[in-house]
């Protein structure tokens, strides 16, 4: 079990480092146009509730997801409205 956790942690670190490699990627002239973009978002929520006189301290897991659009206003400024659904619980 301990080796599995170490391998999973190493994999997560590698994924984070690899994704940051493209942070300063140069864009071509055609990619620098002020065209709006749309996309989807998704994720996971974890919630706990710690209260006296409550025996159940299990973690509740919920999902979050939705749509977003990125609207460029100028070369260095964009507006990004989102519509998200967020499952909560405690």
PDB file of N, CA and C in Angstrom:
ATOM      1  N   UNK A   1       0.825  -1.200   0.000  1.00  0.00           N
ATOM      2  CA  UNK A   1       0.000   0.000   0.000  1.00  0.00           C
ATOM      3  C   UNK A   1       0.863   1.255   0.000  1.00  0.00           C
ATOM      4  N   UNK A   2       1.935   1.248   0.775  1.00  0.00           N
ATOM      5  CA  UNK A   2       2.802   2.409   0.863  1.00  0.00           C
ATOM      6  C   UNK A   2       3.461   2.710  -0.480  1.00  0.00           C
ATOM      7  N   UNK A   3       3.873   1.678  -1.210  1.00  0.00           N
ATOM      8  CA  UNK A   3       4.478   1.864  -2.529  1.00  0.00           C
ATOM      9  C   UNK A   3       3.460   2.436  -3.514  1.00  0.00           C
ATOM     10  N   UNK A   4       2.223   2.000  -3.403  1.00  0.00           N
ATOM     11  CA  UNK A   4       1.175   2.499  -4.292  1.00  0.00           C
ATOM     12  C   UNK A   4       0.947   3.991  -4.076  1.00  0.00           C
ATOM     13  N   UNK A   5       0.941   4.420  -2.830  1.00  0.00           N
ATOM     14  CA  UNK A   5       0.747   5.837  -2.524  1.00  0.00           C
ATOM     15  C   UNK A   5       1.914   6.655  -3.065  1.00  0.00           C
ATOM     16  N   UNK A   6       3.136   6.149  -2.915  1.00  0.00           N
ATOM     17  CA  UNK A   6       4.309   6.855  -3.429  1.00  0.00           C
ATOM     18  C   UNK A   6       4.260   6.971  -4.948  1.00  0.00           C
ATOM     19  N   UNK A   7       3.853   5.901  -5.624  1.00  0.00           N
ATOM     20  CA  UNK A   7       3.758   5.929  -7.085  1.00  0.00           C
ATOM     21  C   UNK A   7       2.683   6.911  -7.539  1.00  0.00           C
ATOM     22  N   UNK A   8       1.558   6.930  -6.834  1.00  0.00           N
ATOM     23  CA  UNK A   8       0.478   7.852  -7.183  1.00  0.00           C
ATOM     24  C   UNK A   8       0.913   9.301  -6.971  1.00  0.00           C
ATOM     25  N   UNK A   9       1.614   9.565  -5.881  1.00  0.00           N
ATOM     26  CA  UNK A   9       2.102  10.920  -5.618  1.00  0.00           C
ATOM     27  C   UNK A   9       3.112  11.349  -6.675  1.00  0.00           C
ATOM     28  N   UNK A  10       4.006  10.437  -7.068  1.00  0.00           N
ATOM     29  CA  UNK A  10       4.992  10.756  -8.103  1.00  0.00           C
ATOM     30  C   UNK A  10       4.303  11.031  -9.438  1.00  0.00           C
ATOM     31  N   UNK A  11       3.275  10.261  -9.756  1.00  0.00           N
ATOM     32  CA  UNK A  11       2.529  10.474 -10.993  1.00  0.00           C
ATOM     33  C   UNK A  11       1.844  11.840 -10.983  1.00  0.00           C
ATOM     34  N   UNK A  12       1.237  12.217  -9.858  1.00  0.00           N
ATOM     35  CA  UNK A  12       0.574  13.521  -9.757  1.00  0.00           C
ATOM     36  C   UNK A  12       1.570  14.660  -9.932  1.00  0.00           C
ATOM     37  N   UNK A  13       2.745  14.530  -9.324  1.00  0.00           N
ATOM     38  CA  UNK A  13       3.773  15.563  -9.464  1.00  0.00           C
ATOM     39  C   UNK A  13       4.210  15.681 -10.916  1.00  0.00           C
ATOM     40  N   UNK A  14       4.399  14.553 -11.588  1.00  0.00           N
ATOM     41  CA  UNK A  14       4.812  14.575 -13.000  1.00  0.00           C
ATOM     42  C   UNK A  14       3.756  15.231 -13.883  1.00  0.00           C
ATOM     43  N   UNK A  15       2.491  14.951 -13.628  1.00  0.00           N
ATOM     44  CA  UNK A  15       1.413  15.544 -14.424  1.00  0.00           C
ATOM     45  C   UNK A  15       1.368  17.057 -14.216  1.00  0.00           C
ATOM     46  N   UNK A  16       1.513  17.504 -12.976  1.00  0.00           N
ATOM     47  CA  UNK A  16       1.494  18.941 -12.695  1.00  0.00           C
ATOM     48  C   UNK A  16       2.677  19.632 -13.359  1.00  0.00           C
ATOM     49  N   UNK A  17       3.857  19.043 -13.259  1.00  0.00           N
ATOM     50  CA  UNK A  17       5.035  19.648 -13.875  1.00  0.00           C
ATOM     51  C   UNK A  17       4.938  19.652 -15.396  1.00  0.00           C
ATOM     52  N   UNK A  18       4.415  18.582 -15.970  1.00  0.00           N
ATOM     53  CA  UNK A  18       4.291  18.513 -17.427  1.00  0.00           C
ATOM     54  C   UNK A  18       3.284  19.535 -17.947  1.00  0.00           C
ATOM     55  N   UNK A  19       2.207  19.753 -17.208  1.00  0.00           N
ATOM     56  CA  UNK A  19       1.209  20.723 -17.673  1.00  0.00           C
ATOM     57  C   UNK A  19       1.734  22.148 -17.590  1.00  0.00           C
ATOM     58  N   UNK A  20       2.661  22.413 -16.682  1.00  0.00           N
ATOM     59  CA  UNK A  20       3.202  23.768 -16.574  1.00  0.00           C
ATOM     60  C   UNK A  20       4.237  24.068 -17.650  1.00  0.00           C
ATOM     61  N   UNK A  21       4.690  23.063 -18.370  1.00  0.00           N
ATOM     62  CA  UNK A  21       5.664  23.291 -19.430  1.00  0.00           C
ATOM     63  C   UNK A  21       5.096  24.132 -20.566  1.00  0.00           C
ATOM     64  N   UNK A  22       3.796  24.090 -20.765  1.00  0.00           N
ATOM     65  CA  UNK A  22       3.164  24.808 -21.855  1.00  0.00           C
ATOM     66  C   UNK A  22       2.662  26.185 -21.430  1.00  0.00           C
ATOM     67  N   UNK A  23       2.980  26.616 -20.230  1.00  0.00           N
ATOM     68  CA  UNK A  23       2.467  27.887 -19.712  1.00  0.00           C
ATOM     69  C   UNK A  23       2.972  29.083 -20.505  1.00  0.00           C
ATOM     70  N   UNK A  24       4.188  29.024 -21.006  1.00  0.00           N
ATOM     71  CA  UNK A  24       4.773  30.145 -21.734  1.00  0.00           C
ATOM     72  C   UNK A  24       4.907  29.850 -23.224  1.00  0.00           C
ATOM     73  N   UNK A  25       4.080  28.964 -23.719  1.00  0.00           N
ATOM     74  CA  UNK A  25       4.135  28.579 -25.125  1.00  0.00           C
ATOM     75  C   UNK A  25       3.817  29.776 -26.021  1.00  0.00           C
ATOM     76  N   UNK A  26       4.609  29.969 -27.062  1.00  0.00           N
ATOM     77  CA  UNK A  26       4.384  31.051 -28.015  1.00  0.00           C
ATOM     78  C   UNK A  26       3.208  30.700 -28.922  1.00  0.00           C
ATOM     79  N   UNK A  27       2.384  31.675 -29.197  1.00  0.00           N
ATOM     80  CA  UNK A  27       1.228  31.463 -30.061  1.00  0.00           C
ATOM     81  C   UNK A  27       1.504  32.053 -31.432  1.00  0.00           C
ATOM     82  N   UNK A  28       0.925  31.423 -32.443  1.00  0.00           N
ATOM     83  CA  UNK A  28       1.081  31.931 -33.799  1.00  0.00           C
ATOM     84  C   UNK A  28       0.148  33.118 -34.008  1.00  0.00           C
ATOM     85  N   UNK A  29       0.330  33.818 -35.115  1.00  0.00           N
ATOM     86  CA  UNK A  29      -0.507  34.994 -35.410  1.00  0.00           C
ATOM     87  C   UNK A  29      -1.981  34.624 -35.486  1.00  0.00           C
ATOM     88  N   UNK A  30      -2.300  33.457 -36.060  1.00  0.00           N
ATOM     89  CA  UNK A  30      -3.703  33.072 -36.200  1.00  0.00           C
ATOM     90  C   UNK A  30      -4.329  32.757 -34.847  1.00  0.00           C
ATOM     91  N   UNK A  31      -3.532  32.310 -33.856  1.00  0.00           N
ATOM     92  CA  UNK A  31      -4.066  31.993 -32.542  1.00  0.00           C
ATOM     93  C   UNK A  31      -4.241  33.231 -31.671  1.00  0.00           C
ATOM     94  N   UNK A  32      -3.670  34.354 -32.066  1.00  0.00           N
ATOM     95  CA  UNK A  32      -3.747  35.567 -31.273  1.00  0.00           C
ATOM     96  C   UNK A  32      -4.960  36.422 -31.617  1.00  0.00           C
ATOM     97  N   UNK A  33      -5.836  35.934 -32.469  1.00  0.00           N
ATOM     98  CA  UNK A  33      -7.030  36.697 -32.821  1.00  0.00           C
ATOM     99  C   UNK A  33      -7.974  36.752 -31.627  1.00  0.00           C
ATOM    100  N   UNK A  34      -8.829  37.733 -31.612  1.00  0.00           N
ATOM    101  CA  UNK A  34      -9.752  37.938 -30.504  1.00  0.00           C
ATOM    102  C   UNK A  34     -11.056  37.179 -30.732  1.00  0.00           C
ATOM    103  N   UNK A  35     -10.975  35.869 -30.851  1.00  0.00           N
ATOM    104  CA  UNK A  35     -12.164  35.046 -31.051  1.00  0.00           C
ATOM    105  C   UNK A  35     -12.600  34.446 -29.716  1.00  0.00           C
ATOM    106  N   UNK A  36     -13.899  34.431 -29.439  1.00  0.00           N
ATOM    107  CA  UNK A  36     -14.386  33.818 -28.198  1.00  0.00           C
ATOM    108  C   UNK A  36     -14.175  32.306 -28.215  1.00  0.00           C
ATOM    109  N   UNK A  37     -14.015  31.745 -27.040  1.00  0.00           N
ATOM    110  CA  UNK A  37     -13.853  30.298 -26.899  1.00  0.00           C
ATOM    111  C   UNK A  37     -14.869  29.796 -25.879  1.00  0.00           C
ATOM    112  N   UNK A  38     -15.346  28.566 -26.069  1.00  0.00           N
ATOM    113  CA  UNK A  38     -16.262  27.950 -25.113  1.00  0.00           C
ATOM    114  C   UNK A  38     -15.671  26.624 -24.659  1.00  0.00           C
ATOM    115  N   UNK A  39     -16.077  26.181 -23.476  1.00  0.00           N
ATOM    116  CA  UNK A  39     -15.550  24.923 -22.966  1.00  0.00           C
ATOM    117  C   UNK A  39     -16.386  24.387 -21.823  1.00  0.00           C
ATOM    118  N   UNK A  40     -15.949  23.259 -21.299  1.00  0.00           N
ATOM    119  CA  UNK A  40     -16.622  22.632 -20.168  1.00  0.00           C
ATOM    120  C   UNK A  40     -15.652  22.557 -18.991  1.00  0.00           C
ATOM    121  N   UNK A  41     -16.220  22.559 -17.800  1.00  0.00           N
ATOM    122  CA  UNK A  41     -15.443  22.426 -16.567  1.00  0.00           C
ATOM    123  C   UNK A  41     -16.010  21.268 -15.775  1.00  0.00           C
ATOM    124  N   UNK A  42     -15.157  20.641 -15.003  1.00  0.00           N
ATOM    125  CA  UNK A  42     -15.612  19.566 -14.142  1.00  0.00           C
ATOM    126  C   UNK A  42     -14.665  19.381 -12.979  1.00  0.00           C
ATOM    127  N   UNK A  43     -15.173  18.811 -11.910  1.00  0.00           N
ATOM    128  CA  UNK A  43     -14.333  18.577 -10.752  1.00  0.00           C
ATOM    129  C   UNK A  43     -15.073  17.809  -9.679  1.00  0.00           C
ATOM    130  N   UNK A  44     -14.420  17.687  -8.528  1.00  0.00           N
ATOM    131  CA  UNK A  44     -14.955  16.929  -7.403  1.00  0.00           C
ATOM    132  C   UNK A  44     -14.902  17.801  -6.157  1.00  0.00           C
ATOM    133  N   UNK A  45     -15.941  17.720  -5.323  1.00  0.00           N
ATOM    134  CA  UNK A  45     -15.977  18.403  -4.024  1.00  0.00           C
ATOM    135  C   UNK A  45     -15.924  17.366  -2.915  1.00  0.00           C
ATOM    136  N   UNK A  46     -15.219  17.693  -1.848  1.00  0.00           N
ATOM    137  CA  UNK A  46     -15.186  16.868  -0.650  1.00  0.00           C
ATOM    138  C   UNK A  46     -15.622  17.745   0.519  1.00  0.00           C
ATOM    139  N   UNK A  47     -16.568  17.258   1.338  1.00  0.00           N
ATOM    140  CA  UNK A  47     -17.013  18.070   2.469  1.00  0.00           C
ATOM    141  C   UNK A  47     -17.137  17.212   3.724  1.00  0.00           C
ATOM    142  N   UNK A  48     -16.772  17.809   4.840  1.00  0.00           N
ATOM    143  CA  UNK A  48     -16.902  17.203   6.163  1.00  0.00           C
ATOM    144  C   UNK A  48     -17.696  18.144   7.045  1.00  0.00           C
ATOM    145  N   UNK A  49     -18.347  17.574   8.054  1.00  0.00           N
ATOM    146  CA  UNK A  49     -19.044  18.381   9.044  1.00  0.00           C
ATOM    147  C   UNK A  49     -18.626  17.877  10.417  1.00  0.00           C
ATOM    148  N   UNK A  50     -17.975  18.729  11.180  1.00  0.00           N
ATOM    149  CA  UNK A  50     -17.527  18.367  12.519  1.00  0.00           C
ATOM    150  C   UNK A  50     -18.387  19.115  13.531  1.00  0.00           C
ATOM    151  N   UNK A  51     -19.282  18.370  14.197  1.00  0.00           N
ATOM    152  CA  UNK A  51     -20.201  18.952  15.164  1.00  0.00           C
ATOM    153  C   UNK A  51     -20.214  18.043  16.395  1.00  0.00           C
ATOM    154  N   UNK A  52     -20.333  18.640  17.568  1.00  0.00           N
ATOM    155  CA  UNK A  52     -20.456  17.841  18.789  1.00  0.00           C
ATOM    156  C   UNK A  52     -21.742  17.021  18.734  1.00  0.00           C
ATOM    157  N   UNK A  53     -21.740  15.884  19.367  1.00  0.00           N
ATOM    158  CA  UNK A  53     -22.886  14.975  19.471  1.00  0.00           C
ATOM    159  C   UNK A  53     -23.288  14.359  18.138  1.00  0.00           C
ATOM    160  N   UNK A  54     -22.400  14.358  17.161  1.00  0.00           N
ATOM    161  CA  UNK A  54     -22.676  13.697  15.885  1.00  0.00           C
ATOM    162  C   UNK A  54     -21.610  12.633  15.681  1.00  0.00           C
ATOM    163  N   UNK A  55     -22.049  11.393  15.520  1.00  0.00           N
ATOM    164  CA  UNK A  55     -21.104  10.292  15.387  1.00  0.00           C
ATOM    165  C   UNK A  55     -20.629  10.106  13.947  1.00  0.00           C
ATOM    166  N   UNK A  56     -21.449  10.485  12.987  1.00  0.00           N
ATOM    167  CA  UNK A  56     -21.114  10.266  11.577  1.00  0.00           C
ATOM    168  C   UNK A  56     -20.221  11.392  11.072  1.00  0.00           C
ATOM    169  N   UNK A  57     -18.940  11.090  10.862  1.00  0.00           N
ATOM    170  CA  UNK A  57     -17.997  12.085  10.350  1.00  0.00           C
ATOM    171  C   UNK A  57     -17.461  11.662   8.986  1.00  0.00           C
ATOM    172  N   UNK A  58     -18.289  11.021   8.203  1.00  0.00           N
ATOM    173  CA  UNK A  58     -17.862  10.570   6.878  1.00  0.00           C
ATOM    174  C   UNK A  58     -17.752  11.740   5.916  1.00  0.00           C
ATOM    175  N   UNK A  59     -16.892  11.575   4.949  1.00  0.00           N
ATOM    176  CA  UNK A  59     -16.704  12.587   3.914  1.00  0.00           C
ATOM    177  C   UNK A  59     -17.796  12.426   2.865  1.00  0.00           C
ATOM    178  N   UNK A  60     -18.427  13.517   2.515  1.00  0.00           N
ATOM    179  CA  UNK A  60     -19.400  13.516   1.413  1.00  0.00           C
ATOM    180  C   UNK A  60     -18.685  13.958   0.145  1.00  0.00           C
ATOM    181  N   UNK A  61     -18.920  13.247  -0.917  1.00  0.00           N
ATOM    182  CA  UNK A  61     -18.285  13.554  -2.199  1.00  0.00           C
ATOM    183  C   UNK A  61     -19.355  14.067  -3.152  1.00  0.00           C
ATOM    184  N   UNK A  62     -19.062  15.161  -3.814  1.00  0.00           N
ATOM    185  CA  UNK A  62     -19.988  15.736  -4.779  1.00  0.00           C
ATOM    186  C   UNK A  62     -19.259  16.112  -6.052  1.00  0.00           C
ATOM    187  N   UNK A  63     -20.003  16.419  -7.061  1.00  0.00           N
ATOM    188  CA  UNK A  63     -19.421  16.774  -8.359  1.00  0.00           C
ATOM    189  C   UNK A  63     -19.725  18.234  -8.677  1.00  0.00           C
ATOM    190  N   UNK A  64     -18.884  18.813  -9.500  1.00  0.00           N
ATOM    191  CA  UNK A  64     -19.113  20.160 -10.012  1.00  0.00           C
ATOM    192  C   UNK A  64     -18.875  20.109 -11.517  1.00  0.00           C
ATOM    193  N   UNK A  65     -19.721  20.772 -12.264  1.00  0.00           N
ATOM    194  CA  UNK A  65     -19.557  20.775 -13.715  1.00  0.00           C
ATOM    195  C   UNK A  65     -20.361  21.898 -14.340  1.00  0.00           C
ATOM    196  N   UNK A  66     -19.956  22.269 -15.524  1.00  0.00           N
ATOM    197  CA  UNK A  66     -20.679  23.323 -16.204  1.00  0.00           C
ATOM    198  C   UNK A  66     -19.989  23.787 -17.459  1.00  0.00           C
ATOM    199  N   UNK A  67     -20.464  24.903 -17.959  1.00  0.00           N
ATOM    200  CA  UNK A  67     -19.960  25.483 -19.199  1.00  0.00           C
ATOM    201  C   UNK A  67     -19.364  26.855 -18.928  1.00  0.00           C
ATOM    202  N   UNK A  68     -18.400  27.234 -19.742  1.00  0.00           N
ATOM    203  CA  UNK A  68     -17.840  28.579 -19.658  1.00  0.00           C
ATOM    204  C   UNK A  68     -17.551  29.090 -21.052  1.00  0.00           C
ATOM    205  N   UNK A  69     -17.435  30.388 -21.161  1.00  0.00           N
ATOM    206  CA  UNK A  69     -16.998  31.013 -22.400  1.00  0.00           C
ATOM    207  C   UNK A  69     -15.985  32.094 -22.058  1.00  0.00           C
ATOM    208  N   UNK A  70     -14.977  32.216 -22.868  1.00  0.00           N
ATOM    209  CA  UNK A  70     -13.942  33.229 -22.679  1.00  0.00           C
ATOM    210  C   UNK A  70     -14.082  34.226 -23.817  1.00  0.00           C
ATOM    211  N   UNK A  71     -14.418  35.467 -23.457  1.00  0.00           N
ATOM    212  CA  UNK A  71     -14.670  36.516 -24.441  1.00  0.00           C
ATOM    213  C   UNK A  71     -13.543  37.541 -24.359  1.00  0.00           C
ATOM    214  N   UNK A  72     -12.657  37.575 -25.349  1.00  0.00           N
ATOM    215  CA  UNK A  72     -11.574  38.561 -25.323  1.00  0.00           C
ATOM    216  C   UNK A  72     -12.109  39.973 -25.549  1.00  0.00           C
ATOM    217  N   UNK A  73     -11.667  40.904 -24.709  1.00  0.00           N
ATOM    218  CA  UNK A  73     -12.038  42.307 -24.847  1.00  0.00           C
ATOM    219  C   UNK A  73     -10.935  43.052 -25.587  1.00  0.00           C
ATOM    220  N   UNK A  74      -9.700  42.790 -25.203  1.00  0.00           N
ATOM    221  CA  UNK A  74      -8.528  43.347 -25.879  1.00  0.00           C
ATOM    222  C   UNK A  74      -7.426  42.288 -25.817  1.00  0.00           C
ATOM    223  N   UNK A  75      -6.222  42.640 -26.244  1.00  0.00           N
ATOM    224  CA  UNK A  75      -5.146  41.652 -26.306  1.00  0.00           C
ATOM    225  C   UNK A  75      -4.826  41.041 -24.945  1.00  0.00           C
ATOM    226  N   UNK A  76      -4.878  41.795 -23.871  1.00  0.00           N
ATOM    227  CA  UNK A  76      -4.526  41.275 -22.560  1.00  0.00           C
ATOM    228  C   UNK A  76      -5.677  41.156 -21.585  1.00  0.00           C
ATOM    229  N   UNK A  77      -6.926  41.308 -22.044  1.00  0.00           N
ATOM    230  CA  UNK A  77      -8.075  41.302 -21.148  1.00  0.00           C
ATOM    231  C   UNK A  77      -9.198  40.458 -21.732  1.00  0.00           C
ATOM    232  N   UNK A  78      -9.739  39.548 -20.907  1.00  0.00           N
ATOM    233  CA  UNK A  78     -10.865  38.711 -21.314  1.00  0.00           C
ATOM    234  C   UNK A  78     -11.886  38.662 -20.193  1.00  0.00           C
ATOM    235  N   UNK A  79     -13.126  38.389 -20.556  1.00  0.00           N
ATOM    236  CA  UNK A  79     -14.206  38.159 -19.600  1.00  0.00           C
ATOM    237  C   UNK A  79     -14.590  36.691 -19.725  1.00  0.00           C
ATOM    238  N   UNK A  80     -14.780  36.009 -18.574  1.00  0.00           N
ATOM    239  CA  UNK A  80     -15.089  34.583 -18.612  1.00  0.00           C
ATOM    240  C   UNK A  80     -16.325  34.280 -17.765  1.00  0.00           C
ATOM    241  N   UNK A  81     -17.532  34.402 -18.340  1.00  0.00           N
ATOM    242  CA  UNK A  81     -18.735  34.003 -17.602  1.00  0.00           C
ATOM    243  C   UNK A  81     -18.855  32.478 -17.571  1.00  0.00           C
ATOM    244  N   UNK A  82     -19.446  31.966 -16.472  1.00  0.00           N
ATOM    245  CA  UNK A  82     -19.585  30.522 -16.293  1.00  0.00           C
ATOM    246  C   UNK A  82     -20.969  30.185 -15.764  1.00  0.00           C
ATOM    247  N   UNK A  83     -21.435  28.992 -16.112  1.00  0.00           N
ATOM    248  CA  UNK A  83     -22.636  28.408 -15.523  1.00  0.00           C
ATOM    249  C   UNK A  83     -22.192  27.072 -14.941  1.00  0.00           C
ATOM    250  N   UNK A  84     -22.249  26.955 -13.591  1.00  0.00           N
ATOM    251  CA  UNK A  84     -21.756  25.760 -12.923  1.00  0.00           C
ATOM    252  C   UNK A  84     -22.839  25.130 -12.061  1.00  0.00           C
ATOM    253  N   UNK A  85     -22.846  23.800 -12.010  1.00  0.00           N
ATOM    254  CA  UNK A  85     -23.677  23.036 -11.088  1.00  0.00           C
ATOM    255  C   UNK A  85     -22.748  22.459 -10.034  1.00  0.00           C
ATOM    256  N   UNK A  86     -23.065  22.684  -8.757  1.00  0.00           N
ATOM    257  CA  UNK A  86     -22.187  22.294  -7.669  1.00  0.00           C
ATOM    258  C   UNK A  86     -22.973  21.471  -6.656  1.00  0.00           C
ATOM    259  N   UNK A  87     -22.624  20.195  -6.486  1.00  0.00           N
ATOM    260  CA  UNK A  87     -23.269  19.345  -5.485  1.00  0.00           C
ATOM    261  C   UNK A  87     -22.584  19.575  -4.146  1.00  0.00           C
ATOM    262  N   UNK A  88     -23.371  19.916  -3.139  1.00  0.00           N
ATOM    263  CA  UNK A  88     -22.822  20.139  -1.804  1.00  0.00           C
ATOM    264  C   UNK A  88     -23.529  19.229  -0.816  1.00  0.00           C
ATOM    265  N   UNK A  89     -22.925  19.071   0.310  1.00  0.00           N
ATOM    266  CA  UNK A  89     -23.542  18.272   1.354  1.00  0.00           C
ATOM    267  C   UNK A  89     -22.633  18.195   2.555  1.00  0.00           C
ATOM    268  N   UNK A  90     -23.220  17.907   3.678  1.00  0.00           N
ATOM    269  CA  UNK A  90     -22.407  17.768   4.890  1.00  0.00           C
ATOM    270  C   UNK A  90     -23.018  16.719   5.785  1.00  0.00           C
TER     271      UNK A  90
END
